[in-house]
C-alpha atoms as a PDB file:
ATOM      1  CA  MET A   1      -6.449  -4.261   0.424  1.00  0.00           C
ATOM      2  CA  PRO A   2      -4.436  -1.704  -1.582  1.00  0.00           C
ATOM      3  CA  GLU A   3      -0.952  -3.095  -2.220  1.00  0.00           C
ATOM      4  CA  LEU A   4       2.333  -1.467  -3.175  1.00  0.00           C
ATOM      5  CA  PRO A   5       1.269  -0.474  -6.743  1.00  0.00           C
ATOM      6  CA  GLU A   6      -1.884   1.211  -5.418  1.00  0.00           C
ATOM      7  CA  VAL A   7      -0.107   3.008  -2.577  1.00  0.00           C
ATOM      8  CA  GLU A   8       2.707   4.141  -4.888  1.00  0.00           C
ATOM      9  CA  THR A   9       0.037   5.510  -7.216  1.00  0.00           C
ATOM     10  CA  VAL A  10      -1.488   7.350  -4.253  1.00  0.00           C
ATOM     11  CA  ARG A  11       1.908   8.822  -3.355  1.00  0.00           C
ATOM     12  CA  LYS A  12       2.377  10.097  -6.900  1.00  0.00           C
ATOM     13  CA  LYS A  13      -1.115  11.543  -7.072  1.00  0.00           C
ATOM     14  CA  LEU A  14      -0.592  13.344  -3.742  1.00  0.00           C
ATOM     15  CA  ARG A  15       2.431  15.263  -5.049  1.00  0.00           C
ATOM     16  CA  PRO A  16       0.307  18.383  -5.742  1.00  0.00           C
ATOM     17  CA  LEU A  17       0.176  18.792  -1.945  1.00  0.00           C
ATOM     18  CA  ALA A  18       3.913  19.541  -1.873  1.00  0.00           C
ATOM     19  CA  GLY A  19       4.465  23.166  -0.928  1.00  0.00           C
ATOM     20  CA  LYS A  20       1.013  23.599   0.600  1.00  0.00           C
ATOM     21  CA  THR A  21       0.652  24.689   4.222  1.00  0.00           C
ATOM     22  CA  ALA A  22      -1.574  22.751   6.586  1.00  0.00           C
ATOM     23  CA  SER A  23      -4.279  24.658   8.438  1.00  0.00           C
ATOM     24  CA  SER A  24      -6.330  22.027  10.274  1.00  0.00           C
ATOM     25  CA  PHE A  25      -6.881  18.365  11.101  1.00  0.00           C
ATOM     26  CA  TRP A  26     -10.149  16.587  11.912  1.00  0.00           C
ATOM     27  CA  ASN A  27     -10.774  12.949  12.822  1.00  0.00           C
ATOM     28  CA  ASP A  28     -13.845  11.154  14.152  1.00  0.00           C
ATOM     29  CA  TRP A  29     -12.339   7.685  14.608  1.00  0.00           C
ATOM     30  CA  PRO A  30      -9.765   7.865  17.441  1.00  0.00           C
ATOM     31  CA  ARG A  31      -9.145   4.095  17.356  1.00  0.00           C
ATOM     32  CA  GLY A  32      -7.492   4.523  13.977  1.00  0.00           C
ATOM     33  CA  LEU A  33      -5.347   7.498  15.009  1.00  0.00           C
ATOM     34  CA  LYS A  34      -1.914   6.827  16.491  1.00  0.00           C
ATOM     35  CA  ALA A  35      -0.630  10.088  17.960  1.00  0.00           C
ATOM     36  CA  LYS A  36       0.328  11.609  21.276  1.00  0.00           C
ATOM     37  CA  GLN A  37      -2.150  14.449  20.781  1.00  0.00           C
ATOM     38  CA  ASN A  38      -5.924  14.438  20.725  1.00  0.00           C
ATOM     39  CA  ASN A  39      -7.838  15.938  17.800  1.00  0.00           C
ATOM     40  CA  LYS A  40      -7.732  19.513  19.075  1.00  0.00           C
ATOM     41  CA  SER A  41      -4.049  19.613  19.948  1.00  0.00           C
ATOM     42  CA  LEU A  42      -3.081  17.730  16.781  1.00  0.00           C
ATOM     43  CA  SER A  43      -4.967  20.253  14.667  1.00  0.00           C
ATOM     44  CA  SER A  44      -3.119  23.044  16.446  1.00  0.00           C
ATOM     45  CA  ASP A  45       0.228  21.270  16.044  1.00  0.00           C
ATOM     46  CA  ILE A  46      -0.151  20.584  12.325  1.00  0.00           C
ATOM     47  CA  LYS A  47      -1.208  24.160  11.567  1.00  0.00           C
ATOM     48  CA  SER A  48       1.387  26.254   9.678  1.00  0.00           C
ATOM     49  CA  ARG A  49       3.486  23.234   8.706  1.00  0.00           C
ATOM     50  CA  ARG A  50       4.441  23.029   5.033  1.00  0.00           C
ATOM     51  CA  VAL A  51       4.374  19.798   3.035  1.00  0.00           C
ATOM     52  CA  LEU A  52       7.992  19.124   2.085  1.00  0.00           C
ATOM     53  CA  GLY A  53       7.419  15.883   0.200  1.00  0.00           C
ATOM     54  CA  LEU A  54       5.679  12.531  -0.041  1.00  0.00           C
ATOM     55  CA  SER A  55       7.284   9.143   0.533  1.00  0.00           C
ATOM     56  CA  ARG A  56       6.203   5.517   0.888  1.00  0.00           C
ATOM     57  CA  HIS A  57       7.292   2.294   2.567  1.00  0.00           C
ATOM     58  CA  GLY A  58       5.376  -0.831   1.723  1.00  0.00           C
ATOM     59  CA  LYS A  59       1.669  -0.039   2.019  1.00  0.00           C
ATOM     60  CA  VAL A  60       2.104   3.201   3.983  1.00  0.00           C
ATOM     61  CA  VAL A  61       2.322   6.695   2.486  1.00  0.00           C
ATOM     62  CA  PHE A  62       4.070   9.469   4.439  1.00  0.00           C
ATOM     63  CA  ILE A  63       3.431  13.200   4.247  1.00  0.00           C
ATOM     64  CA  GLU A  64       6.608  14.977   5.343  1.00  0.00           C
ATOM     65  CA  LEU A  65       6.002  18.218   7.229  1.00  0.00           C
ATOM     66  CA  SER A  66       8.289  21.136   8.043  1.00  0.00           C
ATOM     67  CA  LYS A  67       8.759  23.066  11.240  1.00  0.00           C
ATOM     68  CA  LYS A  68       5.997  25.554  11.894  1.00  0.00           C
ATOM     69  CA  ASN A  69       6.072  28.575   9.549  1.00  0.00           C
ATOM     70  CA  SER A  70       9.062  27.129   7.668  1.00  0.00           C
ATOM     71  CA  LYS A  71       9.256  26.693   3.899  1.00  0.00           C
ATOM     72  CA  ASN A  72      12.185  24.324   3.930  1.00  0.00           C
ATOM     73  CA  GLY A  73      13.517  21.236   5.717  1.00  0.00           C
ATOM     74  CA  PRO A  74      14.378  19.426   7.815  1.00  0.00           C
ATOM     75  CA  VAL A  75      11.321  17.225   8.219  1.00  0.00           C
ATOM     76  CA  GLU A  76       9.999  17.751  11.758  1.00  0.00           C
ATOM     77  CA  LYS A  77       6.722  15.806  11.640  1.00  0.00           C
ATOM     78  CA  LEU A  78       5.249  12.909   9.664  1.00  0.00           C
ATOM     79  CA  LEU A  79       1.611  12.237   8.854  1.00  0.00           C
ATOM     80  CA  ALA A  80       1.297   8.626   7.678  1.00  0.00           C
ATOM     81  CA  PHE A  81      -1.656   6.698   6.248  1.00  0.00           C
ATOM     82  CA  HIS A  82      -2.245   2.954   5.932  1.00  0.00           C
ATOM     83  CA  LEU A  83      -5.333   2.362   3.756  1.00  0.00           C
ATOM     84  CA  ARG A  84      -5.824  -1.207   4.995  1.00  0.00           C
ATOM     85  CA  MET A  85      -8.952  -2.948   3.598  1.00  0.00           C
ATOM     86  CA  SER A  86     -11.144  -0.155   2.264  1.00  0.00           C
ATOM     87  CA  GLY A  87      -9.363   3.164   2.681  1.00  0.00           C
ATOM     88  CA  ARG A  88      -8.642   5.726   0.013  1.00  0.00           C
ATOM     89  CA  LEU A  89      -7.356   9.289   0.031  1.00  0.00           C
ATOM     90  CA  ASN A  90      -9.044  12.002  -1.977  1.00  0.00           C
ATOM     91  CA  ILE A  91      -7.887  15.527  -2.823  1.00  0.00           C
ATOM     92  CA  ALA A  92     -10.747  18.019  -2.957  1.00  0.00           C
ATOM     93  CA  LYS A  93     -11.569  21.656  -2.320  1.00  0.00           C
ATOM     94  CA  SER A  94     -13.215  22.598   0.954  1.00  0.00           C
ATOM     95  CA  LYS A  95     -16.039  24.185  -1.076  1.00  0.00           C
ATOM     96  CA  ASP A  96     -16.725  20.817  -2.728  1.00  0.00           C
ATOM     97  CA  LYS A  97     -19.525  19.225  -0.766  1.00  0.00           C
ATOM     98  CA  ILE A  98     -19.126  15.599   0.262  1.00  0.00           C
ATOM     99  CA  PRO A  99     -21.848  13.479  -1.409  1.00  0.00           C
ATOM    100  CA  PRO A 100     -24.468  12.547   1.239  1.00  0.00           C
ATOM    101  CA  LYS A 101     -23.899   8.797   0.759  1.00  0.00           C
ATOM    102  CA  GLU A 102     -20.175   9.261   1.491  1.00  0.00           C
ATOM    103  CA  THR A 103     -20.440  11.619   4.461  1.00  0.00           C
ATOM    104  CA  LYS A 104     -20.455   8.829   7.039  1.00  0.00           C
ATOM    105  CA  HIS A 105     -17.394   7.220   5.441  1.00  0.00           C
ATOM    106  CA  ILE A 106     -15.076  10.264   5.679  1.00  0.00           C
ATOM    107  CA  HIS A 107     -13.215   9.804   8.959  1.00  0.00           C
ATOM    108  CA  SER A 108     -10.349  12.260   8.674  1.00  0.00           C
ATOM    109  CA  ILE A 109      -9.689  15.546   6.859  1.00  0.00           C
ATOM    110  CA  VAL A 110      -6.465  17.530   6.585  1.00  0.00           C
ATOM    111  CA  GLY A 111      -7.132  21.141   5.616  1.00  0.00           C
ATOM    112  CA  PHE A 112      -4.697  23.445   3.801  1.00  0.00           C
ATOM    113  CA  LYS A 113      -4.532  27.236   3.689  1.00  0.00           C
ATOM    114  CA  ASP A 114      -5.379  27.395  -0.027  1.00  0.00           C
ATOM    115  CA  GLY A 115      -8.701  25.602   0.512  1.00  0.00           C
ATOM    116  CA  THR A 116      -7.469  22.152  -0.474  1.00  0.00           C
ATOM    117  CA  GLU A 117      -8.563  19.190   1.634  1.00  0.00           C
ATOM    118  CA  LEU A 118      -7.131  15.704   1.931  1.00  0.00           C
ATOM    119  CA  ARG A 119     -10.030  13.415   2.855  1.00  0.00           C
ATOM    120  CA  PHE A 120      -9.601   9.903   4.208  1.00  0.00           C
ATOM    121  CA  HIS A 121     -12.488   7.749   3.008  1.00  0.00           C
ATOM    122  CA  ASP A 122     -12.637   4.499   5.006  1.00  0.00           C
ATOM    123  CA  PRO A 123     -16.026   2.684   5.065  1.00  0.00           C
ATOM    124  CA  ARG A 124     -14.825  -0.275   7.137  1.00  0.00           C
ATOM    125  CA  LYS A 125     -12.768   1.796   9.593  1.00  0.00           C
ATOM    126  CA  PHE A 126      -9.717  -0.453   9.314  1.00  0.00           C
ATOM    127  CA  GLY A 127      -7.351   2.293   8.163  1.00  0.00           C
ATOM    128  CA  LEU A 128      -4.602   3.751  10.348  1.00  0.00           C
ATOM    129  CA  ILE A 129      -3.125   7.233  10.688  1.00  0.00           C
ATOM    130  CA  TRP A 130       0.091   8.070  12.518  1.00  0.00           C
ATOM    131  CA  TYR A 131       1.329  11.551  13.463  1.00  0.00           C
ATOM    132  CA  GLY A 132       4.473  12.669  15.230  1.00  0.00           C
ATOM    133  CA  THR A 133       8.174  13.205  14.787  1.00  0.00           C
ATOM    134  CA  PRO A 134       9.909  10.753  12.444  1.00  0.00           C
ATOM    135  CA  GLN A 135      11.339   8.991  15.490  1.00  0.00           C
ATOM    136  CA  GLU A 136       7.919   8.749  17.167  1.00  0.00           C
ATOM    137  CA  VAL A 137       6.151   7.448  14.074  1.00  0.00           C
ATOM    138  CA  ARG A 138       8.808   4.905  13.173  1.00  0.00           C
ATOM    139  CA  GLY A 139       8.866   3.780  16.788  1.00  0.00           C
ATOM    140  CA  TYR A 140       5.332   2.399  16.628  1.00  0.00           C
ATOM    141  CA  PRO A 141       5.243  -1.438  16.561  1.00  0.00           C
ATOM    142  CA  TYR A 142       4.119  -1.640  12.931  1.00  0.00           C
ATOM    143  CA  PHE A 143       7.179   0.237  11.688  1.00  0.00           C
ATOM    144  CA  SER A 144       9.675  -1.286  14.088  1.00  0.00           C
ATOM    145  CA  LYS A 145       8.874  -4.736  12.673  1.00  0.00           C
ATOM    146  CA  ILE A 146       8.373  -3.917   8.997  1.00  0.00           C
ATOM    147  CA  GLY A 147      10.627  -5.479   6.351  1.00  0.00           C
ATOM    148  CA  PRO A 148      12.381  -3.761   3.434  1.00  0.00           C
ATOM    149  CA  ASP A 149      10.235  -2.209   0.737  1.00  0.00           C
ATOM    150  CA  ALA A 150       9.574  -4.725  -2.031  1.00  0.00           C
ATOM    151  CA  LEU A 151      10.447  -2.250  -4.769  1.00  0.00           C
ATOM    152  CA  ASP A 152      13.894  -1.664  -3.266  1.00  0.00           C
ATOM    153  CA  LEU A 153      14.633  -5.333  -2.611  1.00  0.00           C
ATOM    154  CA  SER A 154      17.793  -6.531  -4.351  1.00  0.00           C
ATOM    155  CA  LEU A 155      18.178 -10.125  -5.455  1.00  0.00           C
ATOM    156  CA  LYS A 156      21.006 -10.586  -2.947  1.00  0.00           C
ATOM    157  CA  GLU A 157      18.864  -9.352  -0.047  1.00  0.00           C
ATOM    158  CA  PHE A 158      15.869 -11.394  -1.229  1.00  0.00           C
ATOM    159  CA  LYS A 159      17.955 -14.576  -1.224  1.00  0.00           C
ATOM    160  CA  ALA A 160      19.378 -13.802   2.194  1.00  0.00           C
ATOM    161  CA  ARG A 161      15.931 -13.213   3.686  1.00  0.00           C
ATOM    162  CA  LEU A 162      14.593 -16.427   2.132  1.00  0.00           C
ATOM    163  CA  MET A 163      17.487 -18.411   3.586  1.00  0.00           C
ATOM    164  CA  ALA A 164      16.530 -17.152   7.048  1.00  0.00           C
ATOM    165  CA  HIS A 165      12.956 -18.425   6.790  1.00  0.00           C
ATOM    166  CA  ASN A 166      11.117 -21.691   6.346  1.00  0.00           C
ATOM    167  CA  GLY A 167       7.574 -22.358   5.183  1.00  0.00           C
ATOM    168  CA  MET A 168       5.374 -21.991   2.128  1.00  0.00           C
ATOM    169  CA  ILE A 169       6.435 -19.262  -0.256  1.00  0.00           C
ATOM    170  CA  LYS A 170       3.111 -17.457  -0.676  1.00  0.00           C
ATOM    171  CA  PRO A 171       2.375 -16.868   3.036  1.00  0.00           C
ATOM    172  CA  LEU A 172       5.979 -15.759   3.422  1.00  0.00           C
ATOM    173  CA  LEU A 173       5.649 -13.200   0.608  1.00  0.00           C
ATOM    174  CA  LEU A 174       2.544 -11.803   2.292  1.00  0.00           C
ATOM    175  CA  ARG A 175       4.330 -11.201   5.597  1.00  0.00           C
ATOM    176  CA  GLN A 176       5.053  -7.484   5.901  1.00  0.00           C
ATOM    177  CA  ASP A 177       7.934  -8.191   8.286  1.00  0.00           C
ATOM    178  CA  PHE A 178       9.535 -10.251   5.507  1.00  0.00           C
ATOM    179  CA  VAL A 179       8.988  -7.860   2.614  1.00  0.00           C
ATOM    180  CA  ALA A 180       6.758  -4.780   2.774  1.00  0.00           C
ATOM    181  CA  GLY A 181       4.148  -4.037   0.125  1.00  0.00           C
ATOM    182  CA  ILE A 182       3.160  -7.429  -1.307  1.00  0.00           C
ATOM    183  CA  GLY A 183      -0.479  -8.495  -1.138  1.00  0.00           C
ATOM    184  CA  ASN A 184      -2.620 -11.244  -2.628  1.00  0.00           C
ATOM    185  CA  ILE A 185      -2.663  -9.877  -6.174  1.00  0.00           C
ATOM    186  CA  VAL A 186       1.077  -9.254  -6.434  1.00  0.00           C
ATOM    187  CA  ALA A 187       1.897 -12.615  -4.818  1.00  0.00           C
ATOM    188  CA  ASP A 188      -0.368 -14.656  -7.129  1.00  0.00           C
ATOM    189  CA  GLU A 189       0.758 -12.821 -10.268  1.00  0.00           C
ATOM    190  CA  THR A 190       4.417 -13.180  -9.262  1.00  0.00           C
ATOM    191  CA  LEU A 191       4.211 -16.898  -8.534  1.00  0.00           C
ATOM    192  CA  TRP A 192       2.300 -17.585 -11.761  1.00  0.00           C
ATOM    193  CA  SER A 193       4.875 -15.645 -13.769  1.00  0.00           C
ATOM    194  CA  SER A 194       7.760 -17.556 -12.162  1.00  0.00           C
ATOM    195  CA  LYS A 195       5.932 -20.933 -12.438  1.00  0.00           C
ATOM    196  CA  ILE A 196       6.211 -21.559  -8.700  1.00  0.00           C
ATOM    197  CA  HIS A 197       3.500 -23.370  -6.754  1.00  0.00           C
ATOM    198  CA  PRO A 198       2.335 -21.166  -3.843  1.00  0.00           C
ATOM    199  CA  ARG A 199       2.766 -24.073  -1.414  1.00  0.00           C
ATOM    200  CA  LYS A 200       6.407 -24.600  -2.426  1.00  0.00           C
ATOM    201  CA  ARG A 201       8.528 -24.291   0.673  1.00  0.00           C
ATOM    202  CA  ALA A 202      11.072 -21.488   0.756  1.00  0.00           C
ATOM    203  CA  GLU A 203      13.844 -23.803   1.940  1.00  0.00           C
ATOM    204  CA  ASP A 204      13.297 -26.043  -1.107  1.00  0.00           C
ATOM    205  CA  LEU A 205      13.659 -23.303  -3.722  1.00  0.00           C
ATOM    206  CA  SER A 206      16.644 -23.535  -6.050  1.00  0.00           C
ATOM    207  CA  ASP A 207      18.783 -20.506  -6.882  1.00  0.00           C
ATOM    208  CA  ALA A 208      17.199 -20.417 -10.348  1.00  0.00           C
ATOM    209  CA  GLN A 209      13.710 -20.392  -8.822  1.00  0.00           C
ATOM    210  CA  ILE A 210      14.637 -17.631  -6.390  1.00  0.00           C
ATOM    211  CA  ASP A 211      16.026 -15.587  -9.281  1.00  0.00           C
ATOM    212  CA  SER A 212      12.801 -16.143 -11.201  1.00  0.00           C
ATOM    213  CA  ILE A 213      10.583 -15.096  -8.291  1.00  0.00           C
ATOM    214  CA  HIS A 214      12.583 -11.919  -7.732  1.00  0.00           C
ATOM    215  CA  ARG A 215      12.587 -11.018 -11.423  1.00  0.00           C
ATOM    216  CA  SER A 216       8.846 -11.693 -11.711  1.00  0.00           C
ATOM    217  CA  LEU A 217       8.132  -9.682  -8.564  1.00  0.00           C
ATOM    218  CA  MET A 218       9.898  -6.609  -9.953  1.00  0.00           C
ATOM    219  CA  GLN A 219       8.047  -6.954 -13.259  1.00  0.00           C
ATOM    220  CA  VAL A 220       4.642  -7.299 -11.602  1.00  0.00           C
ATOM    221  CA  LEU A 221       5.269  -4.307  -9.325  1.00  0.00           C
ATOM    222  CA  HIS A 222       6.397  -2.047 -12.164  1.00  0.00           C
ATOM    223  CA  ARG A 223       3.524  -3.130 -14.410  1.00  0.00           C
ATOM    224  CA  GLY A 224       1.067  -2.546 -11.592  1.00  0.00           C
ATOM    225  CA  ILE A 225       2.432   0.943 -10.938  1.00  0.00           C
ATOM    226  CA  LYS A 226       2.396   1.796 -14.645  1.00  0.00           C
ATOM    227  CA  ALA A 227      -1.274   0.755 -14.812  1.00  0.00           C
ATOM    228  CA  GLY A 228      -2.144   2.869 -11.779  1.00  0.00           C
ATOM    229  CA  GLY A 229      -2.821  -0.109  -9.542  1.00  0.00           C
ATOM    230  CA  THR A 230      -5.911  -2.312  -9.459  1.00  0.00           C
ATOM    231  CA  THR A 231      -9.511  -1.155  -9.096  1.00  0.00           C
ATOM    232  CA  LEU A 232     -11.714  -4.183  -8.453  1.00  0.00           C
ATOM    233  CA  LYS A 233     -14.454  -2.558  -6.362  1.00  0.00           C
ATOM    234  CA  ASP A 234     -14.487   1.061  -5.227  1.00  0.00           C
ATOM    235  CA  TRP A 235     -10.807   1.911  -4.719  1.00  0.00           C
ATOM    236  CA  LYS A 236      -9.774   4.989  -6.697  1.00  0.00           C
ATOM    237  CA  HIS A 237      -6.871   7.404  -7.022  1.00  0.00           C
ATOM    238  CA  PRO A 238      -6.817  10.697  -5.063  1.00  0.00           C
ATOM    239  CA  ASP A 239      -8.097  12.409  -8.241  1.00  0.00           C
ATOM    240  CA  ASN A 240     -10.938   9.841  -8.510  1.00  0.00           C
ATOM    241  CA  LYS A 241      -9.478   8.005 -11.487  1.00  0.00           C
ATOM    242  CA  SER A 242      -9.443   4.198 -11.473  1.00  0.00           C
ATOM    243  CA  GLY A 243      -6.527   1.799 -11.729  1.00  0.00           C
ATOM    244  CA  GLU A 244      -6.302  -0.498 -14.753  1.00  0.00           C
ATOM    245  CA  PHE A 245      -4.018  -3.350 -13.713  1.00  0.00           C
ATOM    246  CA  GLN A 246      -7.040  -5.661 -13.490  1.00  0.00           C
ATOM    247  CA  LYS A 247      -7.114  -5.608 -17.292  1.00  0.00           C
ATOM    248  CA  TYR A 248      -3.680  -7.224 -17.440  1.00  0.00           C
ATOM    249  CA  MET A 249      -3.801  -9.784 -14.625  1.00  0.00           C
ATOM    250  CA  LYS A 250      -2.900 -13.297 -15.756  1.00  0.00           C
ATOM    251  CA  VAL A 251      -4.261 -15.417 -12.927  1.00  0.00           C
ATOM    252  CA  TYR A 252      -5.709 -13.482  -9.983  1.00  0.00           C
ATOM    253  CA  GLY A 253      -9.511 -13.617  -9.910  1.00  0.00           C
ATOM    254  CA  ARG A 254      -9.668 -15.661 -13.136  1.00  0.00           C
ATOM    255  CA  LYS A 255     -11.088 -18.941 -11.818  1.00  0.00           C
ATOM    256  CA  GLY A 256     -12.303 -21.147 -14.665  1.00  0.00           C
ATOM    257  CA  LYS A 257     -10.686 -19.009 -17.346  1.00  0.00           C
ATOM    258  CA  PRO A 258      -7.838 -20.305 -19.530  1.00  0.00           C
ATOM    259  CA  CYS A 259      -4.255 -19.826 -18.407  1.00  0.00           C
ATOM    260  CA  PRO A 260      -2.678 -17.281 -20.798  1.00  0.00           C
ATOM    261  CA  ARG A 261       0.402 -19.506 -21.045  1.00  0.00           C
ATOM    262  CA  CYS A 262      -0.889 -23.079 -21.435  1.00  0.00           C
ATOM    263  CA  GLY A 263      -4.649 -22.834 -21.802  1.00  0.00           C
ATOM    264  CA  SER A 264      -5.514 -24.915 -18.726  1.00  0.00           C
ATOM    265  CA  LYS A 265      -8.311 -23.643 -16.502  1.00  0.00           C
ATOM    266  CA  ILE A 266      -7.276 -21.401 -13.635  1.00  0.00           C
ATOM    267  CA  LYS A 267      -8.120 -22.875 -10.224  1.00  0.00           C
ATOM    268  CA  ARG A 268      -8.813 -21.191  -6.898  1.00  0.00           C
ATOM    269  CA  ILE A 269      -7.324 -22.868  -3.828  1.00  0.00           C
ATOM    270  CA  VAL A 270      -6.649 -21.742  -0.263  1.00  0.00           C
ATOM    271  CA  VAL A 271      -3.045 -21.320   0.880  1.00  0.00           C
ATOM    272  CA  GLY A 272      -2.272 -20.132   4.378  1.00  0.00           C
ATOM    273  CA  GLY A 273      -5.889 -19.076   4.801  1.00  0.00           C
ATOM    274  CA  ARG A 274      -5.853 -16.866   1.699  1.00  0.00           C
ATOM    275  CA  GLY A 275      -7.721 -17.367  -1.559  1.00  0.00           C
ATOM    276  CA  THR A 276      -5.125 -18.182  -4.206  1.00  0.00           C
ATOM    277  CA  TRP A 277      -5.415 -18.370  -7.991  1.00  0.00           C
ATOM    278  CA  ILE A 278      -3.150 -20.825  -9.758  1.00  0.00           C
ATOM    279  CA  CYS A 279      -2.550 -22.760 -12.962  1.00  0.00           C
ATOM    280  CA  MET A 280      -2.096 -26.347 -11.796  1.00  0.00           C
ATOM    281  CA  LYS A 281      -0.282 -27.275 -15.000  1.00  0.00           C
ATOM    282  CA  CYS A 282       2.223 -24.394 -15.052  1.00  0.00           C
ATOM    283  CA  GLN A 283       2.765 -24.225 -11.281  1.00  0.00           C
ATOM    284  CA  LYS A 284       3.443 -27.800 -10.290  1.00  0.00           C
ATOM    285  CA  PRO A 285       4.200 -28.646  -6.633  1.00  0.00           C
END
């Protein structure tokens, strides 16, 4: 599943949409669309709205839309995408034909007056799209429960949130109502960097360990963003480029390979139902 570094990369690569005016909306997977309108009325509603900007919270990217026929703010509507397991957004021209093998995997298209298209490619149909006023979109259950964005999380707030929770640290980091944006890769890389065992309980962490986790988390996120996220299978940027963070990962997916820090073999265990990569020597219980 694309995590914060991948979704932040998507947000950056979607910036060329800013200033463009929407002309149409098409969707063939209503289960993944959260909106008060059906396809036809949504397409009519989005028409003539200008893209004012792009934003992100956790693993969701937001396209901010103006009032109809307006070139400036305020933001009147939001179009939000959660890529989930297999989704990716692609910028193309309407004249660019969709490759036959991908046709069945394109489940939503936003058209723009200049001929640009934003295509939502989602083979497993797990992705989600929200549309409505900012109040309507943020009122959906996912957003009403979501935690602070990981990239904006201060050490003080991180400590306070940890103090309010019990349980193993890795499953806690993966909870989007605790902190938004962290996934398996970021969690494993963060805990390896801070030398914390993923089964360590949050209530047993010392102040020094909490400081280390927070510092490592910020480093991993910024490195991941700088590398354009991680491409392990078929996830790509909106311009079809691939992420490169997989070249720099220290522990995730490296079972049997030497730990970059101590040389011991990386192990794969299961923590909270999730595959977890760990150095048993560096990350002692």
